[in-house]
N, C-alpha and C. Protein backbone atom coordinates (compact mmCIF):
# COMPACT_ATOMS: atom_id res chain seq x y z
N UNK A 1 -31.64 5.24 3.18
CA UNK A 1 -31.35 6.30 2.15
C UNK A 1 -30.39 5.73 1.22
N UNK A 2 -30.72 5.78 -0.08
CA UNK A 2 -29.86 5.28 -1.16
C UNK A 2 -28.85 6.32 -1.58
N UNK A 3 -27.88 5.97 -2.35
CA UNK A 3 -26.87 6.86 -2.79
C UNK A 3 -27.49 8.03 -3.65
N UNK A 4 -28.46 7.62 -4.47
CA UNK A 4 -29.16 8.61 -5.30
C UNK A 4 -30.00 9.58 -4.52
N UNK A 5 -30.66 9.11 -3.50
CA UNK A 5 -31.42 10.00 -2.63
C UNK A 5 -30.43 10.93 -1.86
N UNK A 6 -29.30 10.44 -1.43
CA UNK A 6 -28.29 11.26 -0.73
C UNK A 6 -27.73 12.27 -1.66
N UNK A 7 -27.35 11.94 -2.94
CA UNK A 7 -26.84 12.86 -3.87
C UNK A 7 -27.94 13.94 -4.12
N UNK A 8 -29.12 13.55 -4.32
CA UNK A 8 -30.26 14.53 -4.64
C UNK A 8 -30.34 15.51 -3.40
N UNK A 9 -30.33 14.99 -2.15
CA UNK A 9 -30.40 15.81 -1.02
C UNK A 9 -29.30 16.80 -0.80
N UNK A 10 -28.12 16.30 -1.12
CA UNK A 10 -26.91 17.16 -1.06
C UNK A 10 -26.96 18.24 -2.14
N UNK A 11 -27.38 17.84 -3.29
CA UNK A 11 -27.51 18.85 -4.43
C UNK A 11 -28.59 19.96 -4.09
N UNK A 12 -29.65 19.42 -3.44
CA UNK A 12 -30.74 20.42 -3.03
C UNK A 12 -30.17 21.39 -2.07
N UNK A 13 -29.45 20.85 -1.06
CA UNK A 13 -28.91 21.72 0.02
C UNK A 13 -27.87 22.64 -0.59
N UNK A 14 -27.01 22.20 -1.60
CA UNK A 14 -26.02 23.11 -2.16
C UNK A 14 -26.66 24.19 -2.92
N UNK A 15 -27.76 23.89 -3.69
CA UNK A 15 -28.43 25.00 -4.51
C UNK A 15 -29.12 25.86 -3.49
N UNK A 16 -29.67 25.39 -2.35
CA UNK A 16 -30.36 26.37 -1.41
C UNK A 16 -29.25 27.28 -0.77
N UNK A 17 -28.11 26.73 -0.47
CA UNK A 17 -26.99 27.49 0.11
C UNK A 17 -26.59 28.58 -0.79
N UNK A 18 -26.47 28.27 -2.09
CA UNK A 18 -25.99 29.26 -3.14
C UNK A 18 -27.12 30.32 -3.33
N UNK A 19 -28.34 29.89 -3.36
CA UNK A 19 -29.37 30.81 -3.72
C UNK A 19 -29.79 31.78 -2.45
N UNK A 20 -29.96 31.16 -1.32
CA UNK A 20 -30.42 31.89 -0.12
C UNK A 20 -29.19 32.72 0.47
N UNK A 21 -28.12 32.10 0.64
CA UNK A 21 -27.00 32.72 1.40
C UNK A 21 -25.96 33.32 0.49
N UNK A 22 -26.05 33.04 -0.83
CA UNK A 22 -25.08 33.58 -1.79
C UNK A 22 -23.73 33.02 -1.54
N UNK A 23 -23.64 31.79 -0.97
CA UNK A 23 -22.39 31.19 -0.69
C UNK A 23 -21.82 30.56 -1.95
N UNK A 24 -20.53 30.31 -1.86
CA UNK A 24 -19.78 29.68 -2.95
C UNK A 24 -19.39 28.26 -2.49
N UNK A 25 -19.64 27.29 -3.34
CA UNK A 25 -19.36 25.93 -3.02
C UNK A 25 -18.15 25.43 -3.78
N UNK A 26 -17.22 24.92 -3.13
CA UNK A 26 -16.00 24.27 -3.73
C UNK A 26 -16.14 22.77 -3.63
N UNK A 27 -16.05 22.14 -4.78
CA UNK A 27 -16.06 20.64 -4.77
C UNK A 27 -14.64 20.20 -5.10
N UNK A 28 -14.27 19.18 -4.39
CA UNK A 28 -12.89 18.69 -4.53
C UNK A 28 -13.02 17.32 -5.24
N UNK A 29 -11.93 17.09 -6.00
CA UNK A 29 -11.79 15.79 -6.67
C UNK A 29 -11.39 14.75 -5.62
N UNK A 30 -11.77 13.54 -5.79
CA UNK A 30 -11.35 12.49 -4.85
C UNK A 30 -9.84 12.29 -4.94
N UNK A 31 -9.27 12.08 -3.76
CA UNK A 31 -7.83 11.83 -3.71
C UNK A 31 -7.44 10.52 -4.21
N UNK A 32 -6.41 10.45 -5.01
CA UNK A 32 -6.00 9.12 -5.57
C UNK A 32 -5.57 8.19 -4.50
N UNK A 33 -5.80 6.89 -4.74
CA UNK A 33 -5.36 5.93 -3.75
C UNK A 33 -3.86 5.95 -3.66
N UNK A 34 -3.27 5.75 -2.56
CA UNK A 34 -1.80 5.73 -2.41
C UNK A 34 -1.25 4.56 -3.20
N UNK A 35 -0.10 4.77 -3.78
CA UNK A 35 0.54 3.84 -4.62
C UNK A 35 0.90 2.57 -3.73
N UNK A 36 0.42 1.46 -4.20
CA UNK A 36 0.69 0.25 -3.45
C UNK A 36 2.04 -0.29 -3.71
N UNK A 37 2.87 -0.53 -2.73
CA UNK A 37 4.22 -1.14 -2.90
C UNK A 37 4.11 -2.53 -2.31
N UNK A 38 4.92 -3.40 -2.94
CA UNK A 38 4.92 -4.73 -2.46
C UNK A 38 5.43 -4.75 -1.03
N UNK A 39 4.74 -5.66 -0.24
CA UNK A 39 5.18 -5.84 1.05
C UNK A 39 6.39 -6.76 1.20
N UNK A 40 7.35 -6.25 1.98
CA UNK A 40 8.60 -7.01 2.20
C UNK A 40 8.77 -7.33 3.62
N UNK A 41 9.11 -8.51 3.92
CA UNK A 41 9.32 -8.93 5.28
C UNK A 41 10.84 -8.62 5.59
N UNK A 42 11.07 -8.00 6.71
CA UNK A 42 12.46 -7.68 7.13
C UNK A 42 12.99 -9.02 7.63
N UNK A 43 14.25 -9.43 7.32
CA UNK A 43 14.75 -10.59 7.84
C UNK A 43 15.05 -10.52 9.38
N UNK A 44 14.66 -11.55 10.05
CA UNK A 44 14.86 -11.51 11.54
C UNK A 44 16.31 -12.07 11.76
N UNK A 45 16.63 -12.08 12.97
CA UNK A 45 18.08 -12.55 13.29
C UNK A 45 18.10 -13.96 12.91
N UNK A 46 17.12 -14.79 13.11
CA UNK A 46 17.09 -16.17 12.79
C UNK A 46 17.28 -16.37 11.31
N UNK A 47 16.56 -15.52 10.55
CA UNK A 47 16.72 -15.66 9.05
C UNK A 47 18.14 -15.29 8.64
N UNK A 48 18.75 -14.31 9.23
CA UNK A 48 20.12 -14.00 8.89
C UNK A 48 21.15 -15.08 9.24
N UNK A 49 20.92 -15.70 10.46
CA UNK A 49 21.81 -16.82 10.87
C UNK A 49 21.67 -17.96 9.97
N UNK A 50 20.40 -18.30 9.59
CA UNK A 50 20.07 -19.43 8.71
C UNK A 50 20.78 -19.24 7.28
N UNK A 51 20.68 -17.96 6.84
CA UNK A 51 21.31 -17.71 5.56
C UNK A 51 22.83 -17.78 5.61
N UNK A 52 23.38 -17.30 6.74
CA UNK A 52 24.87 -17.40 6.88
C UNK A 52 25.27 -18.92 6.96
N UNK A 53 24.50 -19.72 7.67
CA UNK A 53 24.79 -21.15 7.74
C UNK A 53 24.77 -21.81 6.35
N UNK A 54 23.74 -21.43 5.56
CA UNK A 54 23.61 -22.03 4.22
C UNK A 54 24.81 -21.67 3.40
N UNK A 55 25.27 -20.38 3.52
CA UNK A 55 26.43 -19.90 2.72
C UNK A 55 27.69 -20.69 3.19
N UNK A 56 27.79 -20.86 4.49
CA UNK A 56 28.89 -21.58 5.05
C UNK A 56 28.96 -23.04 4.45
N UNK A 57 27.78 -23.69 4.54
CA UNK A 57 27.70 -25.10 4.01
C UNK A 57 28.02 -25.18 2.56
N UNK A 58 27.47 -24.19 1.75
CA UNK A 58 27.80 -24.13 0.32
C UNK A 58 29.30 -23.98 0.03
N UNK A 59 29.89 -23.17 0.81
CA UNK A 59 31.30 -22.89 0.70
C UNK A 59 32.10 -24.12 0.95
N UNK A 60 31.67 -24.86 2.01
CA UNK A 60 32.49 -26.11 2.36
C UNK A 60 32.24 -27.08 1.33
N UNK A 61 31.01 -27.25 0.82
CA UNK A 61 30.75 -28.26 -0.32
C UNK A 61 31.52 -27.84 -1.61
N UNK A 62 31.67 -26.53 -1.89
CA UNK A 62 32.35 -26.15 -3.10
C UNK A 62 33.85 -26.40 -2.93
N UNK A 63 34.41 -26.31 -1.66
CA UNK A 63 35.81 -26.64 -1.45
C UNK A 63 36.08 -28.09 -1.51
N UNK A 64 35.10 -28.91 -1.11
CA UNK A 64 35.28 -30.34 -1.08
C UNK A 64 35.10 -30.97 -2.58
N UNK A 65 34.39 -30.31 -3.42
CA UNK A 65 34.17 -30.82 -4.71
C UNK A 65 35.39 -30.89 -5.52
N UNK A 66 36.36 -29.95 -5.57
CA UNK A 66 37.51 -30.11 -6.40
C UNK A 66 38.50 -31.14 -5.86
N UNK A 67 38.43 -31.40 -4.48
CA UNK A 67 39.29 -32.48 -3.87
C UNK A 67 38.79 -33.79 -4.33
N UNK A 68 37.53 -34.05 -4.57
CA UNK A 68 36.91 -35.26 -4.85
C UNK A 68 37.37 -35.77 -6.26
N UNK A 69 37.71 -34.80 -7.11
CA UNK A 69 38.09 -35.15 -8.52
C UNK A 69 39.37 -35.82 -8.62
């Protein structure tokens, strides 16, 4: 069954429901897709330790640089 056939069948059933049973049909608009937010990785303990070590090394290098002059 194709989409067109399905649409035609559903429309036929809706018209029959309204005509025979006097029912009221409510159609709903499609819900919008949820807003996509960029995925972010939470830093693990290893990532935090690595970052701390990098900062420590950078600090040591910056302290040594003025002494070398």
